[in-house]
Every structure is written in structure tokens, then in C-alpha cells.
N, C-alpha and C. Protein backbone atom coordinates (compact mmCIF):
# COMPACT_ATOMS: atom_id res chain seq x y z
N GLN A 1 13.56 -9.69 4.90
CA GLN A 1 13.17 -9.02 6.12
C GLN A 1 12.17 -7.90 5.86
N VAL A 2 11.89 -7.59 4.59
CA VAL A 2 10.94 -6.54 4.25
C VAL A 2 9.56 -7.15 4.09
N ARG A 3 8.55 -6.53 4.72
CA ARG A 3 7.18 -7.01 4.60
C ARG A 3 6.25 -5.81 4.53
N GLY A 4 5.02 -6.06 4.15
CA GLY A 4 4.02 -5.01 4.16
C GLY A 4 3.75 -4.42 2.80
N LEU A 5 3.42 -3.14 2.78
CA LEU A 5 3.05 -2.50 1.53
C LEU A 5 4.20 -2.47 0.53
N CYS A 6 5.41 -2.64 0.98
CA CYS A 6 6.57 -2.65 0.08
C CYS A 6 6.81 -4.03 -0.53
N GLY A 7 6.06 -5.03 -0.12
CA GLY A 7 6.27 -6.38 -0.62
C GLY A 7 7.32 -7.10 0.21
N THR A 8 7.75 -8.25 -0.26
CA THR A 8 8.71 -9.06 0.49
C THR A 8 10.10 -9.10 -0.12
N TYR A 9 10.23 -8.73 -1.39
CA TYR A 9 11.52 -8.72 -2.08
C TYR A 9 12.24 -10.05 -2.00
N ASN A 10 11.47 -11.13 -2.12
CA ASN A 10 12.11 -12.45 -2.13
C ASN A 10 11.90 -13.16 -3.46
N TRP A 11 11.41 -12.43 -4.45
CA TRP A 11 11.19 -12.93 -5.80
C TRP A 11 10.10 -13.98 -5.90
N HIS A 12 9.26 -14.11 -4.88
CA HIS A 12 8.11 -15.01 -4.91
C HIS A 12 6.84 -14.15 -4.91
N GLN A 13 6.22 -14.01 -6.06
CA GLN A 13 5.04 -13.15 -6.16
C GLN A 13 3.86 -13.65 -5.34
N GLN A 14 3.85 -14.91 -4.99
CA GLN A 14 2.73 -15.47 -4.23
C GLN A 14 2.56 -14.82 -2.87
N ASP A 15 3.61 -14.26 -2.28
CA ASP A 15 3.49 -13.69 -0.94
C ASP A 15 3.63 -12.17 -0.91
N GLU A 16 3.53 -11.52 -2.05
CA GLU A 16 3.67 -10.06 -2.08
C GLU A 16 2.54 -9.35 -1.35
N PHE A 17 1.37 -9.95 -1.25
CA PHE A 17 0.24 -9.31 -0.57
C PHE A 17 0.05 -9.89 0.83
N THR A 18 1.15 -10.14 1.55
CA THR A 18 1.08 -10.64 2.91
C THR A 18 0.63 -9.51 3.83
N THR A 19 -0.40 -9.76 4.61
CA THR A 19 -0.98 -8.75 5.50
C THR A 19 -0.26 -8.73 6.85
N PRO A 20 -0.55 -7.73 7.68
CA PRO A 20 0.07 -7.70 9.01
C PRO A 20 -0.25 -8.94 9.85
N ALA A 21 -1.40 -9.58 9.58
CA ALA A 21 -1.77 -10.78 10.32
C ALA A 21 -1.07 -12.03 9.78
N GLY A 22 -0.37 -11.91 8.64
CA GLY A 22 0.36 -13.03 8.09
C GLY A 22 -0.37 -13.80 7.00
N ASP A 23 -1.65 -13.44 6.73
CA ASP A 23 -2.35 -14.11 5.65
C ASP A 23 -2.04 -13.40 4.33
N VAL A 24 -2.37 -14.02 3.22
CA VAL A 24 -2.07 -13.46 1.90
C VAL A 24 -3.39 -13.13 1.20
N GLU A 25 -3.55 -11.86 0.84
CA GLU A 25 -4.73 -11.43 0.10
C GLU A 25 -4.50 -11.64 -1.39
N LEU A 26 -5.58 -11.84 -2.12
CA LEU A 26 -5.47 -12.06 -3.56
C LEU A 26 -5.64 -10.79 -4.37
N GLY A 27 -6.30 -9.78 -3.80
CA GLY A 27 -6.56 -8.56 -4.54
C GLY A 27 -5.94 -7.33 -3.89
N ILE A 28 -5.71 -6.32 -4.70
CA ILE A 28 -5.07 -5.09 -4.25
C ILE A 28 -5.92 -4.36 -3.21
N VAL A 29 -7.22 -4.23 -3.46
CA VAL A 29 -8.09 -3.47 -2.57
C VAL A 29 -8.17 -4.13 -1.19
N ALA A 30 -8.37 -5.45 -1.16
CA ALA A 30 -8.44 -6.17 0.11
C ALA A 30 -7.12 -6.04 0.86
N PHE A 31 -6.01 -6.12 0.14
CA PHE A 31 -4.69 -5.99 0.75
C PHE A 31 -4.50 -4.59 1.34
N ALA A 32 -4.82 -3.57 0.57
CA ALA A 32 -4.66 -2.19 1.03
C ALA A 32 -5.53 -1.91 2.25
N ASN A 33 -6.73 -2.47 2.28
CA ASN A 33 -7.62 -2.25 3.41
C ASN A 33 -7.06 -2.81 4.72
N LYS A 34 -6.21 -3.83 4.65
CA LYS A 34 -5.60 -4.41 5.85
C LYS A 34 -4.64 -3.43 6.52
N PHE A 35 -4.13 -2.46 5.76
CA PHE A 35 -3.18 -1.48 6.28
C PHE A 35 -3.83 -0.13 6.56
N ARG A 36 -5.09 0.02 6.22
CA ARG A 36 -5.80 1.29 6.39
C ARG A 36 -6.08 1.54 7.86
N VAL A 37 -5.85 2.76 8.30
CA VAL A 37 -6.15 3.15 9.68
C VAL A 37 -7.60 3.62 9.70
N PRO A 38 -8.46 2.94 10.46
CA PRO A 38 -9.87 3.32 10.49
C PRO A 38 -10.06 4.79 10.86
N GLY A 39 -10.95 5.43 10.13
CA GLY A 39 -11.28 6.82 10.40
C GLY A 39 -10.40 7.84 9.71
N THR A 40 -9.32 7.41 9.05
CA THR A 40 -8.44 8.38 8.41
C THR A 40 -8.82 8.67 6.97
N CYS A 41 -9.44 7.71 6.31
CA CYS A 41 -9.86 7.91 4.93
C CYS A 41 -10.91 6.86 4.59
N PRO A 42 -11.73 7.12 3.59
CA PRO A 42 -12.75 6.13 3.23
C PRO A 42 -12.12 4.87 2.65
N ALA A 43 -12.75 3.74 2.91
CA ALA A 43 -12.27 2.48 2.34
C ALA A 43 -12.46 2.50 0.83
N PRO A 44 -11.47 2.04 0.07
CA PRO A 44 -11.63 2.02 -1.38
C PRO A 44 -12.67 1.00 -1.80
N GLY A 45 -13.31 1.27 -2.92
CA GLY A 45 -14.30 0.35 -3.46
C GLY A 45 -13.64 -0.78 -4.22
N PRO A 46 -14.43 -1.49 -5.03
CA PRO A 46 -13.88 -2.64 -5.76
C PRO A 46 -12.86 -2.27 -6.83
N VAL A 47 -12.87 -1.04 -7.29
CA VAL A 47 -11.91 -0.60 -8.30
C VAL A 47 -10.97 0.39 -7.65
N PRO A 48 -9.66 0.16 -7.67
CA PRO A 48 -8.73 1.10 -7.04
C PRO A 48 -8.85 2.50 -7.64
N LEU A 49 -8.85 3.49 -6.77
CA LEU A 49 -8.93 4.87 -7.19
C LEU A 49 -7.54 5.45 -7.36
N ASP A 50 -7.44 6.50 -8.15
CA ASP A 50 -6.20 7.25 -8.24
C ASP A 50 -6.11 8.08 -6.96
N SER A 51 -5.13 7.81 -6.12
CA SER A 51 -5.04 8.47 -4.82
C SER A 51 -4.94 9.98 -4.94
N CYS A 52 -4.32 10.48 -5.99
CA CYS A 52 -4.20 11.93 -6.14
C CYS A 52 -5.55 12.56 -6.44
N ASP A 53 -6.40 11.87 -7.18
CA ASP A 53 -7.74 12.40 -7.46
C ASP A 53 -8.65 12.26 -6.25
N ALA A 54 -8.56 11.14 -5.55
CA ALA A 54 -9.45 10.87 -4.43
C ALA A 54 -9.12 11.71 -3.20
N PHE A 55 -7.84 12.03 -3.01
CA PHE A 55 -7.40 12.76 -1.83
C PHE A 55 -6.52 13.93 -2.24
N ALA A 56 -7.09 14.82 -3.05
CA ALA A 56 -6.34 15.94 -3.62
C ALA A 56 -5.68 16.79 -2.54
N GLY A 57 -6.29 16.94 -1.38
CA GLY A 57 -5.72 17.75 -0.31
C GLY A 57 -4.50 17.14 0.33
N HIS A 58 -4.21 15.89 0.03
CA HIS A 58 -3.07 15.19 0.63
C HIS A 58 -1.95 14.93 -0.38
N ARG A 59 -1.99 15.61 -1.52
CA ARG A 59 -1.01 15.34 -2.58
C ARG A 59 0.43 15.46 -2.08
N GLU A 60 0.73 16.49 -1.30
CA GLU A 60 2.10 16.69 -0.81
C GLU A 60 2.54 15.53 0.07
N GLN A 61 1.64 15.03 0.93
CA GLN A 61 1.96 13.89 1.79
C GLN A 61 2.20 12.63 0.97
N VAL A 62 1.37 12.42 -0.05
CA VAL A 62 1.53 11.25 -0.91
C VAL A 62 2.85 11.30 -1.65
N GLU A 63 3.19 12.47 -2.19
CA GLU A 63 4.45 12.61 -2.93
C GLU A 63 5.66 12.41 -2.01
N ALA A 64 5.57 12.89 -0.77
CA ALA A 64 6.68 12.70 0.18
C ALA A 64 6.85 11.22 0.52
N ALA A 65 5.74 10.51 0.72
CA ALA A 65 5.81 9.08 1.02
C ALA A 65 6.38 8.31 -0.16
N CYS A 66 5.95 8.65 -1.35
CA CYS A 66 6.47 7.97 -2.55
C CYS A 66 7.96 8.25 -2.75
N ALA A 67 8.39 9.45 -2.40
CA ALA A 67 9.81 9.79 -2.54
C ALA A 67 10.66 8.89 -1.66
N ILE A 68 10.17 8.54 -0.49
CA ILE A 68 10.91 7.63 0.39
C ILE A 68 11.03 6.26 -0.27
N LEU A 69 9.91 5.76 -0.83
CA LEU A 69 9.93 4.44 -1.46
C LEU A 69 10.80 4.41 -2.71
N LEU A 70 10.93 5.55 -3.38
CA LEU A 70 11.75 5.61 -4.58
C LEU A 70 13.18 6.01 -4.28
N GLY A 71 13.49 6.29 -3.01
CA GLY A 71 14.82 6.74 -2.61
C GLY A 71 15.86 5.63 -2.54
N ALA A 72 17.05 6.04 -2.18
CA ALA A 72 18.21 5.13 -2.15
C ALA A 72 18.04 3.97 -1.18
N ILE A 73 17.32 4.18 -0.08
CA ILE A 73 17.18 3.13 0.93
C ILE A 73 16.49 1.88 0.37
N PHE A 74 15.63 2.04 -0.63
CA PHE A 74 14.92 0.89 -1.20
C PHE A 74 15.51 0.43 -2.54
N GLN A 75 16.64 0.94 -2.92
CA GLN A 75 17.25 0.52 -4.19
C GLN A 75 18.03 -0.77 -4.03
């Protein structure tokens, strides 16, 4: 029942990059761009950037979001 940036958790790596439209992307950047909200941040280039370096002013928000993903609800 889990989909999106968290993956599918069904042990099939082929569908881990399933987009909101239901298609499967082959690369990380293309997959991430499907979830990007236009106008909130620049689109990543062909090489993934370190989010903490690229968006230093948002470090606290990034750490809070990661804490949720690393928390008990996703264990």
C-alpha cells in the first residue's frame, strides 16, 4: 500500500521508481522530478546533488523530513 518517494516495499525493485502517474522511471533524477512542485526549487541536473549543499537554507526542513522516514512508523 506504500507508493511514491518511499518506494513500494514489495521486494520488487523493478517498481521502486513508480511515479504518481503510475509509470516507472529508470533514473533517480527523472523519478525525483515527477514529485517536484514547480516553482519551489530548481530541477536537478543529470547528476544528483547533495540536498544539504544545494539547499543549505532548508537543512532543518530536510532533517525533519528524514527523521519521519527514519522513525518508527516506517520500520
